[in-house]
């Protein structure tokens, strides 16, 4: 806040405190109202608006401020009523349709939202101001990425785009898995703002996820050249080196980071992973994971790492105890469940013991699906879950089919537990007709 605005706010609050007559021009009231809204003091903003309306009862900008306040207070019904009243007076205002579209978006009425946003653009007559740039932000926030791209391209195609528009387009394309277009628009954003470390990190992460390690390293290095203390860029560089198998270089980077952040559990786990993958360094890996656990007992990752080291050393029972702690913290993690099943298989191949394990598995229930609680169904479903966890897809599908024949909701329950299973080639081939 600049000095003049600060003086204005103090003057308004003094008049309010002393219960004196309050009068300011519209622009001054707007400054006061905006100040309170930026601080999320919506009750104070509304009080200032009431005083403003007494002084300027027909002002359109104040009417728009009132609508914004109602929306920030989640009073969408009242906001919509005010929009209708305002539209009767000023049907030419494109802002009305921006706010209508916003409300429709929040209510998941996306078709109505898009219609209103389209009208807003038509009525703006090429005036691509802040309110219109707000439209893609609304849609992105609610995860309507395809719809957001429609309006982002209105800016792009009219040469009105800035770095933020290009960046948002890149994010949307990444979210809909069009990675080529995502890369293109991240690079356009960097053309506009080449020293934005945030965009370099995101571009690097895009390359990292595509296993394009050279380009990823280039992006992270550039981000670090802008800000050598960028933690995310440093950590992403470490991850890139680990994933590309350059463990010694990764360890050098980790030691540099730990010299600045000695208690960072993520970096300590990364060091453990490096030692875990270097032959003959199992004890060093255990030490790293154990230290990470001592620093943050409610973080699942070091338990996962430690359990793998114990398994590799042949201490299967200890590995099970440790992975159980990771599962306790992250019960839906498929990697942890699968690894636990592998531990049991390695521990004992005796069929009777496996049956005992199956009997001791917790009952599978999912109130959202309304699936049967019939004991035979639950038993079949538990077996399917168990065999999926240990990678035995043949028996998994066998018992899953038997559960489906008892209750058709069985497949839906299974996919609720394991969303990735929908993409498993074996399951797709086995249950093709059920997945159509």
Protein backbone atom coordinates (compact mmCIF):
# COMPACT_ATOMS: atom_id res chain seq x y z
CA UNK A 1 0.00 0.00 0.00
CA UNK A 2 1.41 3.40 -0.91
CA UNK A 3 1.48 6.35 1.49
CA UNK A 4 -1.57 8.10 0.02
CA UNK A 5 -3.70 4.94 0.26
CA UNK A 6 -2.50 4.38 3.83
CA UNK A 7 -3.55 7.90 4.79
CA UNK A 8 -6.93 7.36 3.12
CA UNK A 9 -7.58 4.11 5.03
CA UNK A 10 -6.58 5.73 8.34
CA UNK A 11 -8.86 8.68 7.65
CA UNK A 12 -11.81 6.40 6.84
CA UNK A 13 -11.25 4.25 9.95
CA UNK A 14 -10.96 7.34 12.18
CA UNK A 15 -14.25 8.71 10.86
CA UNK A 16 -15.83 5.30 11.41
CA UNK A 17 -14.44 5.05 14.93
CA UNK A 18 -15.68 8.52 15.86
CA UNK A 19 -19.06 7.82 14.22
CA UNK A 20 -18.69 10.91 12.07
CA UNK A 21 -20.22 11.56 8.68
CA UNK A 22 -18.36 9.69 5.94
CA UNK A 23 -17.97 10.97 2.41
CA UNK A 24 -15.38 10.07 -0.25
CA UNK A 25 -15.50 10.07 -4.02
CA UNK A 26 -16.09 6.78 -5.83
CA UNK A 27 -12.41 6.10 -6.59
CA UNK A 28 -11.48 6.60 -2.92
CA UNK A 29 -14.23 4.25 -1.75
CA UNK A 30 -13.02 1.70 -4.31
CA UNK A 31 -9.50 1.94 -2.86
CA UNK A 32 -10.85 1.36 0.66
CA UNK A 33 -13.05 -1.58 -0.40
CA UNK A 34 -10.25 -3.18 -2.44
CA UNK A 35 -7.86 -2.84 0.51
CA UNK A 36 -10.19 -4.82 2.78
CA UNK A 37 -10.90 -7.44 0.12
CA UNK A 38 -7.19 -8.04 -0.48
CA UNK A 39 -6.84 -8.62 3.26
CA UNK A 40 -9.91 -10.92 3.12
CA UNK A 41 -11.73 -8.65 5.58
CA UNK A 42 -15.00 -9.00 3.72
CA UNK A 43 -17.22 -7.76 6.54
CA UNK A 44 -15.21 -4.53 6.65
CA UNK A 45 -15.36 -4.31 2.85
CA UNK A 46 -19.13 -4.68 2.95
CA UNK A 47 -19.44 -2.00 5.63
CA UNK A 48 -17.36 0.40 3.50
CA UNK A 49 -19.54 -0.45 0.50
CA UNK A 50 -22.70 0.42 2.43
CA UNK A 51 -21.27 3.87 3.18
CA UNK A 52 -20.23 4.20 -0.45
CA UNK A 53 -23.72 3.33 -1.72
CA UNK A 54 -25.25 5.98 0.55
CA UNK A 55 -22.99 8.55 -1.12
CA UNK A 56 -23.18 7.18 -4.68
CA UNK A 57 -26.32 5.03 -4.96
CA UNK A 58 -26.29 4.55 -8.74
CA UNK A 59 -22.59 3.87 -9.33
CA UNK A 60 -21.94 0.78 -11.47
CA UNK A 61 -18.43 0.08 -10.16
CA UNK A 62 -19.74 -0.04 -6.61
CA UNK A 63 -22.47 -2.45 -7.74
CA UNK A 64 -19.75 -4.72 -9.21
CA UNK A 65 -17.79 -4.50 -5.95
CA UNK A 66 -20.86 -5.62 -4.05
CA UNK A 67 -21.19 -8.66 -6.32
CA UNK A 68 -17.50 -9.49 -5.80
CA UNK A 69 -17.94 -9.31 -2.03
CA UNK A 70 -20.99 -11.61 -2.13
CA UNK A 71 -19.02 -14.12 -4.20
CA UNK A 72 -16.07 -14.01 -1.80
CA UNK A 73 -18.51 -14.67 1.03
CA UNK A 74 -19.81 -17.70 -0.97
CA UNK A 75 -23.26 -16.08 -1.09
CA UNK A 76 -23.75 -17.04 -4.73
CA UNK A 77 -27.53 -16.82 -4.71
CA UNK A 78 -27.39 -13.20 -3.59
CA UNK A 79 -24.60 -12.47 -6.08
CA UNK A 80 -26.69 -13.93 -8.91
CA UNK A 81 -29.72 -11.84 -7.89
CA UNK A 82 -27.59 -8.70 -7.93
CA UNK A 83 -26.23 -9.63 -11.36
CA UNK A 84 -29.76 -9.92 -12.74
CA UNK A 85 -30.69 -6.50 -11.34
CA UNK A 86 -27.54 -4.94 -12.76
CA UNK A 87 -28.08 -6.59 -16.16
CA UNK A 88 -31.49 -4.94 -16.43
CA UNK A 89 -29.81 -1.56 -16.01
CA UNK A 90 -26.61 -2.18 -17.99
CA UNK A 91 -26.93 -5.16 -20.33
CA UNK A 92 -23.76 -4.04 -22.13
CA UNK A 93 -21.40 -4.83 -19.23
CA UNK A 94 -19.24 -7.85 -20.05
CA UNK A 95 -18.24 -8.17 -16.37
CA UNK A 96 -21.76 -9.41 -15.59
CA UNK A 97 -21.18 -12.47 -17.75
CA UNK A 98 -17.73 -13.10 -16.28
CA UNK A 99 -19.27 -13.33 -12.81
CA UNK A 100 -22.22 -15.38 -14.00
CA UNK A 101 -19.81 -17.79 -15.65
CA UNK A 102 -17.77 -17.96 -12.46
CA UNK A 103 -20.82 -18.95 -10.42
CA UNK A 104 -21.87 -21.56 -13.00
CA UNK A 105 -18.32 -22.99 -12.96
CA UNK A 106 -18.36 -23.35 -9.18
CA UNK A 107 -21.72 -25.14 -9.48
CA UNK A 108 -20.27 -27.50 -12.15
CA UNK A 109 -22.68 -26.12 -14.76
CA UNK A 110 -19.84 -25.90 -17.25
CA UNK A 111 -21.92 -25.55 -20.42
CA UNK A 112 -23.71 -22.51 -19.00
CA UNK A 113 -20.38 -21.15 -17.76
CA UNK A 114 -18.78 -21.37 -21.21
CA UNK A 115 -21.79 -19.62 -22.78
CA UNK A 116 -21.51 -16.74 -20.33
CA UNK A 117 -17.75 -16.45 -20.84
CA UNK A 118 -18.24 -16.39 -24.60
CA UNK A 119 -20.76 -13.55 -24.23
CA UNK A 120 -18.28 -11.69 -22.01
CA UNK A 121 -15.65 -11.83 -24.76
CA UNK A 122 -18.16 -10.69 -27.39
CA UNK A 123 -19.28 -7.72 -25.30
CA UNK A 124 -15.71 -6.69 -24.46
CA UNK A 125 -15.16 -5.72 -28.13
CA UNK A 126 -11.50 -6.72 -28.02
CA UNK A 127 -10.78 -5.02 -24.69
CA UNK A 128 -8.80 -7.89 -23.14
CA UNK A 129 -8.55 -6.50 -19.63
CA UNK A 130 -7.98 -8.10 -16.22
CA UNK A 131 -11.55 -9.37 -15.81
CA UNK A 132 -11.28 -11.44 -19.02
CA UNK A 133 -7.85 -12.81 -18.06
CA UNK A 134 -9.58 -13.99 -14.90
CA UNK A 135 -11.73 -16.44 -16.93
CA UNK A 136 -9.03 -19.07 -17.64
CA UNK A 137 -7.92 -18.84 -13.99
CA UNK A 138 -11.45 -19.72 -12.84
CA UNK A 139 -11.62 -22.73 -15.14
CA UNK A 140 -8.12 -23.97 -14.29
CA UNK A 141 -8.86 -23.73 -10.59
CA UNK A 142 -11.88 -25.99 -11.07
CA UNK A 143 -9.86 -28.35 -13.33
CA UNK A 144 -11.75 -27.55 -16.55
CA UNK A 145 -8.55 -27.55 -18.61
CA UNK A 146 -10.06 -28.06 -22.08
CA UNK A 147 -12.47 -25.19 -21.52
CA UNK A 148 -9.69 -22.98 -20.15
CA UNK A 149 -7.73 -23.54 -23.36
CA UNK A 150 -10.63 -22.18 -25.41
CA UNK A 151 -10.27 -18.80 -23.71
CA UNK A 152 -6.49 -18.85 -23.39
CA UNK A 153 -6.32 -19.19 -27.17
CA UNK A 154 -8.51 -16.12 -27.56
CA UNK A 155 -5.66 -14.15 -26.00
CA UNK A 156 -2.98 -16.08 -27.91
CA UNK A 157 -4.69 -15.81 -31.30
CA UNK A 158 -5.22 -12.07 -30.89
CA UNK A 159 -1.57 -11.43 -29.91
CA UNK A 160 -2.70 -10.33 -26.45
CA UNK A 161 -0.87 -13.08 -24.58
CA UNK A 162 1.82 -12.48 -21.96
CA UNK A 163 4.08 -14.92 -20.11
CA UNK A 164 1.29 -15.87 -17.69
CA UNK A 165 -1.14 -16.71 -20.50
CA UNK A 166 1.46 -18.90 -22.24
CA UNK A 167 2.35 -20.55 -18.93
CA UNK A 168 -1.30 -21.33 -18.15
CA UNK A 169 -1.71 -22.81 -21.64
CA UNK A 170 1.31 -25.02 -20.98
CA UNK A 171 -0.17 -26.18 -17.69
CA UNK A 172 -3.51 -27.01 -19.31
CA UNK A 173 -1.87 -28.99 -22.12
CA UNK A 174 0.22 -30.86 -19.55
CA UNK A 175 -2.89 -31.72 -17.52
CA UNK A 176 -4.61 -33.19 -20.61
CA UNK A 177 -1.39 -35.10 -21.46
CA UNK A 178 -0.54 -33.17 -24.61
CA UNK A 179 3.10 -32.86 -23.62
CA UNK A 180 4.33 -31.57 -26.97
CA UNK A 181 2.01 -28.56 -26.80
CA UNK A 182 2.81 -28.11 -23.11
CA UNK A 183 6.53 -27.84 -23.89
CA UNK A 184 5.78 -25.41 -26.74
CA UNK A 185 3.84 -23.01 -24.52
CA UNK A 186 6.23 -23.22 -21.57
CA UNK A 187 8.98 -22.21 -23.99
CA UNK A 188 6.83 -19.32 -25.28
CA UNK A 189 6.37 -18.21 -21.67
CA UNK A 190 10.15 -18.25 -21.24
CA UNK A 191 10.57 -16.23 -24.42
CA UNK A 192 8.47 -13.56 -22.72
CA UNK A 193 10.13 -13.96 -19.31
CA UNK A 194 13.43 -15.86 -19.63
CA UNK A 195 14.47 -15.30 -16.02
CA UNK A 196 11.43 -16.89 -14.39
CA UNK A 197 12.91 -19.79 -12.41
CA UNK A 198 9.45 -21.21 -11.67
CA UNK A 199 8.78 -21.82 -15.37
CA UNK A 200 12.24 -23.34 -15.89
CA UNK A 201 11.59 -25.80 -13.05
CA UNK A 202 8.19 -26.80 -14.45
CA UNK A 203 9.64 -27.24 -17.94
CA UNK A 204 12.42 -29.35 -16.44
CA UNK A 205 9.88 -31.49 -14.59
CA UNK A 206 8.02 -32.04 -17.87
CA UNK A 207 11.24 -33.36 -19.45
CA UNK A 208 12.04 -35.42 -16.34
CA UNK A 209 8.65 -37.16 -16.45
CA UNK A 210 9.36 -38.01 -20.11
CA UNK A 211 12.79 -39.42 -19.12
CA UNK A 212 14.48 -36.74 -21.21
CA UNK A 213 17.23 -36.29 -18.65
CA UNK A 214 19.54 -34.01 -20.66
CA UNK A 215 16.84 -31.42 -21.30
CA UNK A 216 15.62 -31.72 -17.70
CA UNK A 217 19.13 -31.06 -16.36
CA UNK A 218 19.51 -28.08 -18.68
CA UNK A 219 16.29 -26.54 -17.37
CA UNK A 220 17.11 -27.13 -13.69
CA UNK A 221 20.63 -25.79 -14.15
CA UNK A 222 19.22 -22.62 -15.74
CA UNK A 223 16.80 -22.18 -12.83
CA UNK A 224 19.71 -22.52 -10.40
CA UNK A 225 21.73 -19.99 -12.37
CA UNK A 226 18.91 -17.52 -11.72
CA UNK A 227 18.60 -18.47 -8.05
CA UNK A 228 21.21 -20.79 -6.60
CA UNK A 229 19.10 -21.23 -3.45
CA UNK A 230 16.01 -22.53 -5.27
CA UNK A 231 15.21 -25.64 -3.25
CA UNK A 232 12.82 -27.19 -5.75
CA UNK A 233 15.30 -26.79 -8.63
CA UNK A 234 18.06 -28.31 -6.48
CA UNK A 235 15.91 -31.27 -5.48
CA UNK A 236 14.69 -31.85 -9.03
CA UNK A 237 18.31 -31.86 -10.21
CA UNK A 238 19.06 -34.55 -7.60
CA UNK A 239 16.07 -36.62 -8.73
CA UNK A 240 17.17 -36.32 -12.36
CA UNK A 241 20.66 -37.60 -11.53
CA UNK A 242 19.22 -40.52 -9.53
CA UNK A 243 16.76 -41.51 -12.25
CA UNK A 244 19.51 -41.35 -14.88
CA UNK A 245 21.70 -43.62 -12.72
CA UNK A 246 24.36 -41.01 -11.95
CA UNK A 247 24.45 -41.76 -8.22
CA UNK A 248 27.90 -40.31 -7.45
CA UNK A 249 26.98 -36.96 -9.02
CA UNK A 250 23.67 -37.05 -7.16
CA UNK A 251 25.47 -37.66 -3.87
CA UNK A 252 27.68 -34.61 -4.50
CA UNK A 253 24.58 -32.46 -5.05
CA UNK A 254 22.89 -33.94 -2.00
CA UNK A 255 25.87 -33.22 0.25
CA UNK A 256 25.84 -29.61 -0.97
CA UNK A 257 22.12 -29.31 -0.20
CA UNK A 258 22.49 -31.00 3.22
CA UNK A 259 25.21 -28.50 4.12
CA UNK A 260 22.47 -25.84 3.87
CA UNK A 261 19.51 -27.96 5.06
CA UNK A 262 20.95 -30.71 7.31
CA UNK A 263 17.55 -31.92 8.56
CA UNK A 264 15.69 -32.14 5.25
CA UNK A 265 14.05 -35.59 5.18
CA UNK A 266 13.39 -35.56 1.43
CA UNK A 267 17.06 -34.96 0.66
CA UNK A 268 18.08 -37.56 3.26
CA UNK A 269 15.80 -40.11 1.59
CA UNK A 270 17.35 -39.24 -1.78
CA UNK A 271 20.78 -39.96 -0.29
CA UNK A 272 19.45 -43.27 1.01
CA UNK A 273 18.17 -44.12 -2.47
CA UNK A 274 21.61 -43.39 -3.96
CA UNK A 275 23.32 -45.71 -1.48
CA UNK A 276 20.56 -48.30 -1.95
CA UNK A 277 21.42 -48.46 -5.66
CA UNK A 278 25.20 -48.56 -5.14
CA UNK A 279 26.45 -52.07 -4.54
CA UNK A 280 27.90 -52.60 -1.07
CA UNK A 281 26.38 -49.46 0.51
CA UNK A 282 23.30 -51.05 2.12
CA UNK A 283 24.31 -50.03 5.65
CA UNK A 284 24.78 -46.41 4.57
CA UNK A 285 21.32 -46.53 2.98
CA UNK A 286 19.82 -47.91 6.20
CA UNK A 287 21.48 -45.15 8.20
CA UNK A 288 20.02 -42.47 5.90
CA UNK A 289 16.48 -43.87 6.06
CA UNK A 290 16.70 -44.40 9.83
CA UNK A 291 17.88 -40.81 10.33
CA UNK A 292 15.01 -39.55 8.16
CA UNK A 293 12.52 -41.54 10.24
CA UNK A 294 13.96 -40.08 13.45
CA UNK A 295 13.46 -36.59 12.03
CA UNK A 296 9.90 -37.16 10.75
CA UNK A 297 8.15 -40.27 12.04
CA UNK A 298 4.92 -39.53 10.15
CA UNK A 299 6.59 -39.45 6.70
CA UNK A 300 6.07 -42.68 4.74
CA UNK A 301 8.95 -42.48 2.23
CA UNK A 302 11.86 -43.46 4.55
CA UNK A 303 9.92 -46.50 5.79
CA UNK A 304 9.49 -47.56 2.16
CA UNK A 305 13.20 -47.16 1.48
CA UNK A 306 14.26 -48.93 4.66
CA UNK A 307 11.93 -51.86 3.99
CA UNK A 308 13.48 -52.37 0.54
CA UNK A 309 17.00 -52.42 1.98
CA UNK A 310 15.97 -54.92 4.66
CA UNK A 311 14.36 -57.10 2.00
CA UNK A 312 17.52 -56.99 -0.11
CA UNK A 313 19.53 -58.08 2.96
CA UNK A 314 17.20 -61.04 3.50
CA UNK A 315 15.57 -59.71 6.67
CA UNK A 316 12.04 -60.25 5.34
CA UNK A 317 10.21 -60.16 8.68
CA UNK A 318 11.73 -56.77 9.56
CA UNK A 319 10.91 -55.53 6.05
CA UNK A 320 7.25 -56.45 6.62
CA UNK A 321 7.17 -54.61 9.93
CA UNK A 322 8.62 -51.47 8.35
CA UNK A 323 6.45 -51.51 5.22
CA UNK A 324 3.40 -51.96 7.47
CA UNK A 325 4.26 -48.59 9.01
CA UNK A 326 4.44 -47.01 5.53
CA UNK A 327 1.04 -48.56 4.68
CA UNK A 328 -0.38 -47.23 7.94
CA UNK A 329 0.63 -43.74 6.82
CA UNK A 330 -0.39 -44.20 3.16
CA UNK A 331 -2.97 -47.03 3.07
CA UNK A 332 -3.84 -46.57 -0.63
CA UNK A 333 -0.29 -46.74 -2.00
CA UNK A 334 -0.27 -49.63 -4.48
CA UNK A 335 3.53 -49.92 -4.49
CA UNK A 336 3.58 -50.50 -0.74
CA UNK A 337 0.77 -53.08 -0.88
CA UNK A 338 2.44 -54.91 -3.76
CA UNK A 339 5.80 -54.95 -1.97
CA UNK A 340 4.18 -56.31 1.20
CA UNK A 341 2.68 -59.16 -0.82
CA UNK A 342 6.08 -59.91 -2.34
CA UNK A 343 7.55 -60.06 1.16
CA UNK A 344 4.99 -62.67 2.20
CA UNK A 345 5.64 -64.73 -0.91
CA UNK A 346 9.37 -64.64 -0.23
CA UNK A 347 8.81 -65.50 3.42
CA UNK A 348 6.69 -68.53 2.78
CA UNK A 349 5.37 -70.37 -0.27
CA UNK A 350 3.33 -72.77 1.85
CA UNK A 351 -0.26 -72.72 0.56
CA UNK A 352 -1.74 -73.19 4.03
CA UNK A 353 0.15 -70.20 5.35
CA UNK A 354 -1.03 -68.10 2.39
CA UNK A 355 -4.61 -69.10 3.13
CA UNK A 356 -4.09 -67.97 6.74
CA UNK A 357 -2.84 -64.62 5.47
CA UNK A 358 -5.89 -64.31 3.24
CA UNK A 359 -8.25 -65.06 6.12
CA UNK A 360 -6.59 -62.35 8.23
CA UNK A 361 -6.92 -59.65 5.59
CA UNK A 362 -9.38 -56.92 6.62
CA UNK A 363 -12.85 -57.14 5.15
CA UNK A 364 -13.31 -55.10 1.96
CA UNK A 365 -16.10 -52.57 2.25
CA UNK A 366 -17.05 -49.61 0.12
CA UNK A 367 -20.23 -47.83 1.15
CA UNK A 368 -20.19 -45.64 -1.96
CA UNK A 369 -20.65 -48.57 -4.33
CA UNK A 370 -23.37 -50.33 -2.38
CA UNK A 371 -21.63 -53.65 -3.01
CA UNK A 372 -22.80 -56.84 -1.34
CA UNK A 373 -21.49 -57.70 2.13
CA UNK A 374 -22.15 -61.40 1.48
CA UNK A 375 -19.37 -63.39 3.17
CA UNK A 376 -18.60 -65.40 0.02
CA UNK A 377 -18.35 -62.20 -2.04
CA UNK A 378 -16.03 -60.60 0.51
CA UNK A 379 -13.85 -63.72 0.64
CA UNK A 380 -13.49 -63.82 -3.17
CA UNK A 381 -12.83 -60.09 -3.32
CA UNK A 382 -10.19 -60.27 -0.58
CA UNK A 383 -8.38 -62.98 -2.50
CA UNK A 384 -8.46 -60.88 -5.68
CA UNK A 385 -7.00 -57.95 -3.75
CA UNK A 386 -4.29 -60.12 -2.23
CA UNK A 387 -3.19 -61.69 -5.50
CA UNK A 388 -3.17 -58.26 -7.19
CA UNK A 389 -0.87 -56.99 -4.45
CA UNK A 390 1.63 -59.79 -5.03
CA UNK A 391 1.50 -59.50 -8.82
CA UNK A 392 -0.30 -62.79 -9.47
CA UNK A 393 -2.68 -61.48 -12.12
CA UNK A 394 -4.01 -64.88 -13.14
CA UNK A 395 -5.39 -65.70 -9.69
CA UNK A 396 -6.37 -62.07 -9.15
CA UNK A 397 -8.63 -62.11 -12.22
CA UNK A 398 -9.96 -65.56 -11.37
CA UNK A 399 -11.20 -64.49 -7.93
CA UNK A 400 -12.28 -61.07 -9.16
CA UNK A 401 -14.50 -62.72 -11.79
CA UNK A 402 -16.00 -65.01 -9.12
CA UNK A 403 -16.77 -61.95 -6.97
CA UNK A 404 -18.39 -60.18 -9.94
CA UNK A 405 -20.64 -63.17 -10.59
CA UNK A 406 -21.88 -62.78 -7.01
CA UNK A 407 -22.26 -58.99 -7.18
CA UNK A 408 -21.65 -56.92 -10.32
CA UNK A 409 -20.35 -54.06 -8.17
CA UNK A 410 -17.22 -56.09 -7.46
CA UNK A 411 -15.26 -54.69 -10.42
CA UNK A 412 -16.16 -51.11 -9.49
CA UNK A 413 -15.00 -51.75 -5.92
CA UNK A 414 -11.73 -53.21 -7.18
CA UNK A 415 -11.02 -50.18 -9.38
CA UNK A 416 -11.84 -47.85 -6.48
CA UNK A 417 -9.08 -49.61 -4.53
CA UNK A 418 -6.64 -49.79 -7.45
CA UNK A 419 -7.30 -47.09 -10.10
CA UNK A 420 -4.16 -48.08 -12.02
CA UNK A 421 -5.58 -51.56 -12.55
CA UNK A 422 -7.86 -50.12 -15.27
CA UNK A 423 -4.77 -49.75 -17.44
CA UNK A 424 -3.34 -53.21 -16.77
CA UNK A 425 -3.14 -55.16 -20.07
CA UNK A 426 -3.93 -58.51 -18.42
CA UNK A 427 -7.06 -57.16 -16.71
CA UNK A 428 -8.18 -55.35 -19.87
CA UNK A 429 -7.93 -58.59 -21.88
CA UNK A 430 -9.59 -60.67 -19.16
CA UNK A 431 -12.51 -58.31 -18.45
CA UNK A 432 -12.89 -56.66 -21.86
CA UNK A 433 -16.64 -57.08 -22.08
CA UNK A 434 -17.15 -55.71 -18.56
CA UNK A 435 -15.06 -52.59 -19.28
CA UNK A 436 -16.99 -51.49 -22.39
